[in-house]
């Protein structure tokens, strides 16, 4: 699931880097730095712009929120195993259908098994990249994950609306594209709600493309042809775009 605005762009870029970077690099750290810290860096010129064009109070309060939210998010991301914590069933390598199918080859075809597991039983780089494949509608065994994703989206949407409301009431925002949206709303005398809606939709479409569809296609193409979706004749590899 993606954030909104500029943070969705950095999130999509982080996901892409994790898939495309060589396995020997500290990819988890690079992911967190790209996702959280790059967002702060991108906001610096936007903060300066808003400070001059929109207002000092708005810019300062928004800056405080941006720094606090992203530093806390970065620190939480450094906690080992935190990505596996969720209120509902979540899409991780550990509970991936692909990994479940791979375990069937442990004795019959060790070569396939070893593509996903190291000799000491840990996940290989390819196995870790499976977590970046979006949920597959053709896979009936992932129905519970799809339902969970909708629950996550509903809760996240409600919380985001609450955060947006509180921030705008006190004269701040979530940063990123909100700086531009606030400036356009101020100069063009238009509703900021509609401006934020359209900017978020555009950035989200870009983010999903570069952060999900492109890297997922690459990962699916690396899956051996022998691994198939359970109870079907569909090969995971054939789902690559």
C-alpha atoms as a PDB file:
ATOM      1  CA  UNK A   1       0.000   0.000   0.000  1.00  0.00           C
ATOM      2  CA  UNK A   2       1.296   3.445  -0.935  1.00  0.00           C
ATOM      3  CA  UNK A   3       1.422   6.799   0.772  1.00  0.00           C
ATOM      4  CA  UNK A   4       0.246   9.902  -1.063  1.00  0.00           C
ATOM      5  CA  UNK A   5       2.044  12.754  -2.814  1.00  0.00           C
ATOM      6  CA  UNK A   6       5.821  12.996  -2.980  1.00  0.00           C
ATOM      7  CA  UNK A   7       6.204  10.247  -0.370  1.00  0.00           C
ATOM      8  CA  UNK A   8       4.539   7.811  -2.774  1.00  0.00           C
ATOM      9  CA  UNK A   9       7.207   8.672  -5.354  1.00  0.00           C
ATOM     10  CA  UNK A  10      10.048   7.982  -2.904  1.00  0.00           C
ATOM     11  CA  UNK A  11       8.272   4.800  -1.818  1.00  0.00           C
ATOM     12  CA  UNK A  12       7.997   3.612  -5.416  1.00  0.00           C
ATOM     13  CA  UNK A  13      11.634   4.491  -6.062  1.00  0.00           C
ATOM     14  CA  UNK A  14      12.705   2.620  -2.916  1.00  0.00           C
ATOM     15  CA  UNK A  15      10.852  -0.498  -4.043  1.00  0.00           C
ATOM     16  CA  UNK A  16      12.428  -0.290  -7.492  1.00  0.00           C
ATOM     17  CA  UNK A  17      15.929   0.090  -6.057  1.00  0.00           C
ATOM     18  CA  UNK A  18      15.447  -2.929  -3.790  1.00  0.00           C
ATOM     19  CA  UNK A  19      14.627  -5.096  -6.798  1.00  0.00           C
ATOM     20  CA  UNK A  20      17.241  -3.774  -9.223  1.00  0.00           C
ATOM     21  CA  UNK A  21      20.257  -3.206  -6.957  1.00  0.00           C
ATOM     22  CA  UNK A  22      22.876  -5.990  -6.604  1.00  0.00           C
ATOM     23  CA  UNK A  23      22.340  -8.449  -3.753  1.00  0.00           C
ATOM     24  CA  UNK A  24      25.611  -7.616  -1.958  1.00  0.00           C
ATOM     25  CA  UNK A  25      24.491  -4.054  -1.137  1.00  0.00           C
ATOM     26  CA  UNK A  26      22.654  -3.169   2.132  1.00  0.00           C
ATOM     27  CA  UNK A  27      19.338  -3.024   0.289  1.00  0.00           C
ATOM     28  CA  UNK A  28      17.103  -2.741   3.347  1.00  0.00           C
ATOM     29  CA  UNK A  29      19.046   0.304   4.569  1.00  0.00           C
ATOM     30  CA  UNK A  30      18.999   1.825   1.078  1.00  0.00           C
ATOM     31  CA  UNK A  31      15.244   1.233   0.945  1.00  0.00           C
ATOM     32  CA  UNK A  32      14.686   3.054   4.257  1.00  0.00           C
ATOM     33  CA  UNK A  33      16.999   5.928   3.319  1.00  0.00           C
ATOM     34  CA  UNK A  34      15.270   6.371  -0.041  1.00  0.00           C
ATOM     35  CA  UNK A  35      11.762   6.042   1.353  1.00  0.00           C
ATOM     36  CA  UNK A  36      12.094   8.285   4.415  1.00  0.00           C
ATOM     37  CA  UNK A  37      15.179  10.494   4.213  1.00  0.00           C
ATOM     38  CA  UNK A  38      14.978  11.309   0.486  1.00  0.00           C
ATOM     39  CA  UNK A  39      11.475  12.616   1.125  1.00  0.00           C
ATOM     40  CA  UNK A  40      12.899  15.149   3.596  1.00  0.00           C
ATOM     41  CA  UNK A  41      15.598  16.157   1.090  1.00  0.00           C
ATOM     42  CA  UNK A  42      13.023  16.683  -1.680  1.00  0.00           C
ATOM     43  CA  UNK A  43      10.981  18.823   0.689  1.00  0.00           C
ATOM     44  CA  UNK A  44      13.824  21.286   1.354  1.00  0.00           C
ATOM     45  CA  UNK A  45      13.375  23.386  -1.841  1.00  0.00           C
ATOM     46  CA  UNK A  46       9.596  23.096  -1.459  1.00  0.00           C
ATOM     47  CA  UNK A  47       9.824  24.400   2.103  1.00  0.00           C
ATOM     48  CA  UNK A  48      11.889  27.378   0.949  1.00  0.00           C
ATOM     49  CA  UNK A  49       9.415  28.037  -1.863  1.00  0.00           C
ATOM     50  CA  UNK A  50       6.429  27.868   0.495  1.00  0.00           C
ATOM     51  CA  UNK A  51       8.189  30.038   3.091  1.00  0.00           C
ATOM     52  CA  UNK A  52       8.470  32.798   0.495  1.00  0.00           C
ATOM     53  CA  UNK A  53       5.233  32.317  -1.448  1.00  0.00           C
ATOM     54  CA  UNK A  54       2.722  30.841   1.019  1.00  0.00           C
ATOM     55  CA  UNK A  55       3.613  31.887   4.536  1.00  0.00           C
ATOM     56  CA  UNK A  56       6.107  31.478   7.372  1.00  0.00           C
ATOM     57  CA  UNK A  57       3.787  29.824   9.902  1.00  0.00           C
ATOM     58  CA  UNK A  58       2.478  27.314   7.359  1.00  0.00           C
ATOM     59  CA  UNK A  59       6.002  26.406   6.236  1.00  0.00           C
ATOM     60  CA  UNK A  60       7.448  26.069   9.741  1.00  0.00           C
ATOM     61  CA  UNK A  61       4.617  23.913  11.091  1.00  0.00           C
ATOM     62  CA  UNK A  62       4.694  21.710   7.998  1.00  0.00           C
ATOM     63  CA  UNK A  63       8.463  21.330   8.283  1.00  0.00           C
ATOM     64  CA  UNK A  64       8.132  20.163  11.886  1.00  0.00           C
ATOM     65  CA  UNK A  65       5.588  17.546  10.845  1.00  0.00           C
ATOM     66  CA  UNK A  66       7.629  16.345   7.846  1.00  0.00           C
ATOM     67  CA  UNK A  67      10.831  15.921   9.860  1.00  0.00           C
ATOM     68  CA  UNK A  68       9.191  14.238  12.846  1.00  0.00           C
ATOM     69  CA  UNK A  69       7.008  11.875  10.798  1.00  0.00           C
ATOM     70  CA  UNK A  70       9.819  10.721   8.522  1.00  0.00           C
ATOM     71  CA  UNK A  71      12.567  10.423  11.138  1.00  0.00           C
ATOM     72  CA  UNK A  72      10.254   8.332  13.320  1.00  0.00           C
ATOM     73  CA  UNK A  73       9.278   6.232  10.297  1.00  0.00           C
ATOM     74  CA  UNK A  74      12.936   5.706   9.388  1.00  0.00           C
ATOM     75  CA  UNK A  75      13.838   4.637  12.937  1.00  0.00           C
ATOM     76  CA  UNK A  76      10.914   2.218  13.091  1.00  0.00           C
ATOM     77  CA  UNK A  77      12.007   0.768   9.747  1.00  0.00           C
ATOM     78  CA  UNK A  78      15.400  -0.103  11.276  1.00  0.00           C
ATOM     79  CA  UNK A  79      13.762  -2.455  13.784  1.00  0.00           C
ATOM     80  CA  UNK A  80      14.464  -6.052  12.632  1.00  0.00           C
ATOM     81  CA  UNK A  81      11.336  -7.849  11.452  1.00  0.00           C
ATOM     82  CA  UNK A  82       9.082  -4.805  11.773  1.00  0.00           C
ATOM     83  CA  UNK A  83       7.880  -5.290   8.181  1.00  0.00           C
ATOM     84  CA  UNK A  84       6.273  -8.562   9.254  1.00  0.00           C
ATOM     85  CA  UNK A  85       4.068  -6.942  11.898  1.00  0.00           C
ATOM     86  CA  UNK A  86       0.478  -6.258  10.886  1.00  0.00           C
ATOM     87  CA  UNK A  87      -3.072  -6.139  12.207  1.00  0.00           C
ATOM     88  CA  UNK A  88      -4.226  -8.446   9.424  1.00  0.00           C
ATOM     89  CA  UNK A  89      -2.662 -10.969   7.070  1.00  0.00           C
ATOM     90  CA  UNK A  90      -0.007  -9.107   5.087  1.00  0.00           C
ATOM     91  CA  UNK A  91       1.973  -9.781   1.947  1.00  0.00           C
ATOM     92  CA  UNK A  92       5.509 -10.787   2.925  1.00  0.00           C
ATOM     93  CA  UNK A  93       8.071 -13.273   1.699  1.00  0.00           C
ATOM     94  CA  UNK A  94       7.321 -15.506   4.674  1.00  0.00           C
ATOM     95  CA  UNK A  95       3.657 -16.016   3.795  1.00  0.00           C
ATOM     96  CA  UNK A  96       4.078 -15.858   0.022  1.00  0.00           C
ATOM     97  CA  UNK A  97       2.368 -18.499  -2.083  1.00  0.00           C
ATOM     98  CA  UNK A  98       5.490 -18.670  -4.228  1.00  0.00           C
ATOM     99  CA  UNK A  99       7.650 -19.617  -1.243  1.00  0.00           C
ATOM    100  CA  UNK A 100       5.095 -22.222  -0.201  1.00  0.00           C
ATOM    101  CA  UNK A 101       5.253 -23.754  -3.660  1.00  0.00           C
ATOM    102  CA  UNK A 102       9.061 -23.608  -3.673  1.00  0.00           C
ATOM    103  CA  UNK A 103       9.254 -25.732  -0.514  1.00  0.00           C
ATOM    104  CA  UNK A 104       7.674 -28.562  -2.494  1.00  0.00           C
ATOM    105  CA  UNK A 105      10.852 -28.739  -4.573  1.00  0.00           C
ATOM    106  CA  UNK A 106      13.209 -29.137  -1.603  1.00  0.00           C
ATOM    107  CA  UNK A 107      13.742 -32.842  -2.236  1.00  0.00           C
ATOM    108  CA  UNK A 108      12.565 -33.271  -5.825  1.00  0.00           C
ATOM    109  CA  UNK A 109      14.518 -30.363  -7.354  1.00  0.00           C
ATOM    110  CA  UNK A 110      17.091 -28.806  -4.971  1.00  0.00           C
ATOM    111  CA  UNK A 111      18.332 -26.490  -7.724  1.00  0.00           C
ATOM    112  CA  UNK A 112      15.012 -24.619  -7.726  1.00  0.00           C
ATOM    113  CA  UNK A 113      14.838 -24.678  -3.933  1.00  0.00           C
ATOM    114  CA  UNK A 114      18.327 -23.196  -3.621  1.00  0.00           C
ATOM    115  CA  UNK A 115      17.308 -20.195  -5.725  1.00  0.00           C
ATOM    116  CA  UNK A 116      15.171 -19.086  -2.793  1.00  0.00           C
ATOM    117  CA  UNK A 117      16.902 -20.523   0.279  1.00  0.00           C
ATOM    118  CA  UNK A 118      20.526 -20.396   1.410  1.00  0.00           C
ATOM    119  CA  UNK A 119      22.177 -23.524   2.873  1.00  0.00           C
ATOM    120  CA  UNK A 120      21.389 -22.266   6.398  1.00  0.00           C
ATOM    121  CA  UNK A 121      17.697 -21.810   5.570  1.00  0.00           C
ATOM    122  CA  UNK A 122      17.624 -18.036   5.104  1.00  0.00           C
ATOM    123  CA  UNK A 123      15.968 -16.256   2.192  1.00  0.00           C
ATOM    124  CA  UNK A 124      18.076 -15.435  -0.844  1.00  0.00           C
ATOM    125  CA  UNK A 125      17.884 -12.078  -2.599  1.00  0.00           C
ATOM    126  CA  UNK A 126      15.338 -13.459  -5.072  1.00  0.00           C
ATOM    127  CA  UNK A 127      13.130 -14.685  -2.230  1.00  0.00           C
ATOM    128  CA  UNK A 128      13.246 -11.294  -0.504  1.00  0.00           C
ATOM    129  CA  UNK A 129      12.186  -9.571  -3.721  1.00  0.00           C
ATOM    130  CA  UNK A 130       8.992 -11.651  -3.847  1.00  0.00           C
ATOM    131  CA  UNK A 131       7.485  -9.320  -1.225  1.00  0.00           C
ATOM    132  CA  UNK A 132       7.414  -6.595  -3.892  1.00  0.00           C
ATOM    133  CA  UNK A 133       5.050  -8.529  -6.154  1.00  0.00           C
ATOM    134  CA  UNK A 134       1.492  -7.152  -5.852  1.00  0.00           C
ATOM    135  CA  UNK A 135      -1.244  -9.555  -4.820  1.00  0.00           C
ATOM    136  CA  UNK A 136      -2.305 -11.686  -7.776  1.00  0.00           C
ATOM    137  CA  UNK A 137      -6.035 -11.869  -8.476  1.00  0.00           C
ATOM    138  CA  UNK A 138      -5.660 -15.181 -10.320  1.00  0.00           C
ATOM    139  CA  UNK A 139      -4.294 -16.751  -7.128  1.00  0.00           C
ATOM    140  CA  UNK A 140      -7.287 -17.909  -5.070  1.00  0.00           C
ATOM    141  CA  UNK A 141      -5.061 -18.656  -2.088  1.00  0.00           C
ATOM    142  CA  UNK A 142      -4.400 -14.917  -1.693  1.00  0.00           C
ATOM    143  CA  UNK A 143      -8.046 -13.901  -1.292  1.00  0.00           C
ATOM    144  CA  UNK A 144      -7.548 -13.349   2.447  1.00  0.00           C
ATOM    145  CA  UNK A 145      -4.615 -11.034   1.740  1.00  0.00           C
ATOM    146  CA  UNK A 146      -6.661  -9.021  -0.750  1.00  0.00           C
ATOM    147  CA  UNK A 147      -9.424  -8.591   1.827  1.00  0.00           C
ATOM    148  CA  UNK A 148      -6.814  -7.554   4.397  1.00  0.00           C
ATOM    149  CA  UNK A 149      -5.419  -5.012   1.956  1.00  0.00           C
ATOM    150  CA  UNK A 150      -8.850  -3.425   1.569  1.00  0.00           C
ATOM    151  CA  UNK A 151      -9.164  -3.276   5.373  1.00  0.00           C
ATOM    152  CA  UNK A 152      -5.738  -1.637   5.597  1.00  0.00           C
ATOM    153  CA  UNK A 153      -6.709   0.863   2.899  1.00  0.00           C
ATOM    154  CA  UNK A 154      -9.956   1.739   4.675  1.00  0.00           C
ATOM    155  CA  UNK A 155      -8.244   2.298   8.015  1.00  0.00           C
ATOM    156  CA  UNK A 156      -5.342   4.193   6.432  1.00  0.00           C
ATOM    157  CA  UNK A 157      -7.751   6.382   4.477  1.00  0.00           C
ATOM    158  CA  UNK A 158      -9.705   7.264   7.608  1.00  0.00           C
ATOM    159  CA  UNK A 159      -6.549   8.043   9.588  1.00  0.00           C
ATOM    160  CA  UNK A 160      -5.073  10.079   6.725  1.00  0.00           C
ATOM    161  CA  UNK A 161      -8.254  12.140   6.509  1.00  0.00           C
ATOM    162  CA  UNK A 162      -8.059  12.812  10.237  1.00  0.00           C
ATOM    163  CA  UNK A 163      -4.390  13.825  10.027  1.00  0.00           C
ATOM    164  CA  UNK A 164      -5.046  16.089   7.028  1.00  0.00           C
ATOM    165  CA  UNK A 165      -7.937  17.748   8.850  1.00  0.00           C
ATOM    166  CA  UNK A 166      -5.967  18.399  12.033  1.00  0.00           C
ATOM    167  CA  UNK A 167      -2.963  19.737  10.131  1.00  0.00           C
ATOM    168  CA  UNK A 168      -5.001  22.123   8.003  1.00  0.00           C
ATOM    169  CA  UNK A 169      -6.946  23.324  11.047  1.00  0.00           C
ATOM    170  CA  UNK A 170      -3.709  24.342  12.779  1.00  0.00           C
ATOM    171  CA  UNK A 171      -2.362  25.870   9.553  1.00  0.00           C
ATOM    172  CA  UNK A 172       0.031  23.142   8.417  1.00  0.00           C
ATOM    173  CA  UNK A 173       0.131  20.252   5.928  1.00  0.00           C
ATOM    174  CA  UNK A 174       1.848  16.929   5.267  1.00  0.00           C
ATOM    175  CA  UNK A 175       4.453  18.573   3.033  1.00  0.00           C
ATOM    176  CA  UNK A 176       5.522  17.511  -0.442  1.00  0.00           C
ATOM    177  CA  UNK A 177       2.884  18.316  -3.049  1.00  0.00           C
ATOM    178  CA  UNK A 178       0.809  20.045  -0.356  1.00  0.00           C
ATOM    179  CA  UNK A 179       3.200  23.002  -0.615  1.00  0.00           C
ATOM    180  CA  UNK A 180       2.391  23.345  -4.307  1.00  0.00           C
ATOM    181  CA  UNK A 181      -1.307  22.686  -3.751  1.00  0.00           C
ATOM    182  CA  UNK A 182      -1.509  25.369  -1.078  1.00  0.00           C
ATOM    183  CA  UNK A 183       0.251  27.866  -3.340  1.00  0.00           C
ATOM    184  CA  UNK A 184      -2.064  27.141  -6.288  1.00  0.00           C
ATOM    185  CA  UNK A 185      -5.139  27.336  -4.048  1.00  0.00           C
ATOM    186  CA  UNK A 186      -3.949  30.660  -2.662  1.00  0.00           C
ATOM    187  CA  UNK A 187      -3.059  32.306  -5.966  1.00  0.00           C
ATOM    188  CA  UNK A 188      -5.864  30.847  -8.107  1.00  0.00           C
ATOM    189  CA  UNK A 189      -8.486  31.014  -5.340  1.00  0.00           C
ATOM    190  CA  UNK A 190      -9.527  27.404  -5.827  1.00  0.00           C
ATOM    191  CA  UNK A 191     -10.493  24.647  -3.408  1.00  0.00           C
ATOM    192  CA  UNK A 192      -7.364  23.051  -1.984  1.00  0.00           C
ATOM    193  CA  UNK A 193      -9.240  19.766  -1.517  1.00  0.00           C
ATOM    194  CA  UNK A 194      -9.710  19.237  -5.259  1.00  0.00           C
ATOM    195  CA  UNK A 195      -6.132  20.279  -6.012  1.00  0.00           C
ATOM    196  CA  UNK A 196      -4.742  17.821  -3.453  1.00  0.00           C
ATOM    197  CA  UNK A 197      -6.998  15.082  -4.817  1.00  0.00           C
ATOM    198  CA  UNK A 198      -5.747  15.414  -8.388  1.00  0.00           C
ATOM    199  CA  UNK A 199      -2.071  15.795  -7.461  1.00  0.00           C
ATOM    200  CA  UNK A 200      -2.272  12.719  -5.232  1.00  0.00           C
ATOM    201  CA  UNK A 201      -3.946  10.677  -7.962  1.00  0.00           C
ATOM    202  CA  UNK A 202      -1.236  11.596 -10.477  1.00  0.00           C
ATOM    203  CA  UNK A 203       1.675  10.881  -8.126  1.00  0.00           C
ATOM    204  CA  UNK A 204       0.039   7.629  -7.011  1.00  0.00           C
ATOM    205  CA  UNK A 205      -0.300   6.362 -10.583  1.00  0.00           C
ATOM    206  CA  UNK A 206       3.360   7.149 -11.249  1.00  0.00           C
ATOM    207  CA  UNK A 207       4.426   5.501  -7.992  1.00  0.00           C
ATOM    208  CA  UNK A 208       2.464   2.291  -8.546  1.00  0.00           C
ATOM    209  CA  UNK A 209       3.941   1.995 -12.030  1.00  0.00           C
ATOM    210  CA  UNK A 210       7.572   2.409 -10.972  1.00  0.00           C
ATOM    211  CA  UNK A 211       7.206   0.737  -7.575  1.00  0.00           C
ATOM    212  CA  UNK A 212       4.939  -2.228  -8.284  1.00  0.00           C
ATOM    213  CA  UNK A 213       4.305  -3.119 -11.912  1.00  0.00           C
ATOM    214  CA  UNK A 214       7.826  -2.644 -13.259  1.00  0.00           C
ATOM    215  CA  UNK A 215       9.785  -4.363 -10.442  1.00  0.00           C
ATOM    216  CA  UNK A 216       7.122  -7.075 -10.036  1.00  0.00           C
ATOM    217  CA  UNK A 217       7.418  -7.941 -13.709  1.00  0.00           C
ATOM    218  CA  UNK A 218      11.175  -8.294 -13.318  1.00  0.00           C
ATOM    219  CA  UNK A 219      10.839 -10.543 -10.260  1.00  0.00           C
ATOM    220  CA  UNK A 220       8.108 -12.712 -11.805  1.00  0.00           C
ATOM    221  CA  UNK A 221      10.313 -13.216 -14.847  1.00  0.00           C
ATOM    222  CA  UNK A 222      13.010 -14.640 -12.547  1.00  0.00           C
ATOM    223  CA  UNK A 223      10.651 -17.251 -11.090  1.00  0.00           C
ATOM    224  CA  UNK A 224      11.364 -20.723 -12.544  1.00  0.00           C
ATOM    225  CA  UNK A 225       8.788 -21.937 -15.060  1.00  0.00           C
ATOM    226  CA  UNK A 226       8.080 -25.000 -12.905  1.00  0.00           C
ATOM    227  CA  UNK A 227       6.443 -22.941 -10.134  1.00  0.00           C
ATOM    228  CA  UNK A 228       2.724 -22.530 -10.723  1.00  0.00           C
ATOM    229  CA  UNK A 229      -0.236 -20.883  -9.029  1.00  0.00           C
ATOM    230  CA  UNK A 230      -1.896 -23.519  -6.793  1.00  0.00           C
ATOM    231  CA  UNK A 231      -4.846 -25.380  -8.318  1.00  0.00           C
ATOM    232  CA  UNK A 232      -4.346 -23.818 -11.737  1.00  0.00           C
ATOM    233  CA  UNK A 233      -2.393 -24.156 -14.965  1.00  0.00           C
ATOM    234  CA  UNK A 234      -0.930 -20.655 -14.676  1.00  0.00           C
ATOM    235  CA  UNK A 235       2.812 -20.225 -14.255  1.00  0.00           C
ATOM    236  CA  UNK A 236       3.926 -17.300 -12.078  1.00  0.00           C
ATOM    237  CA  UNK A 237       6.542 -16.463 -14.689  1.00  0.00           C
ATOM    238  CA  UNK A 238       3.843 -16.001 -17.348  1.00  0.00           C
ATOM    239  CA  UNK A 239       2.285 -13.159 -15.325  1.00  0.00           C
ATOM    240  CA  UNK A 240       5.253 -10.866 -15.947  1.00  0.00           C
ATOM    241  CA  UNK A 241       4.493  -7.883 -18.159  1.00  0.00           C
END
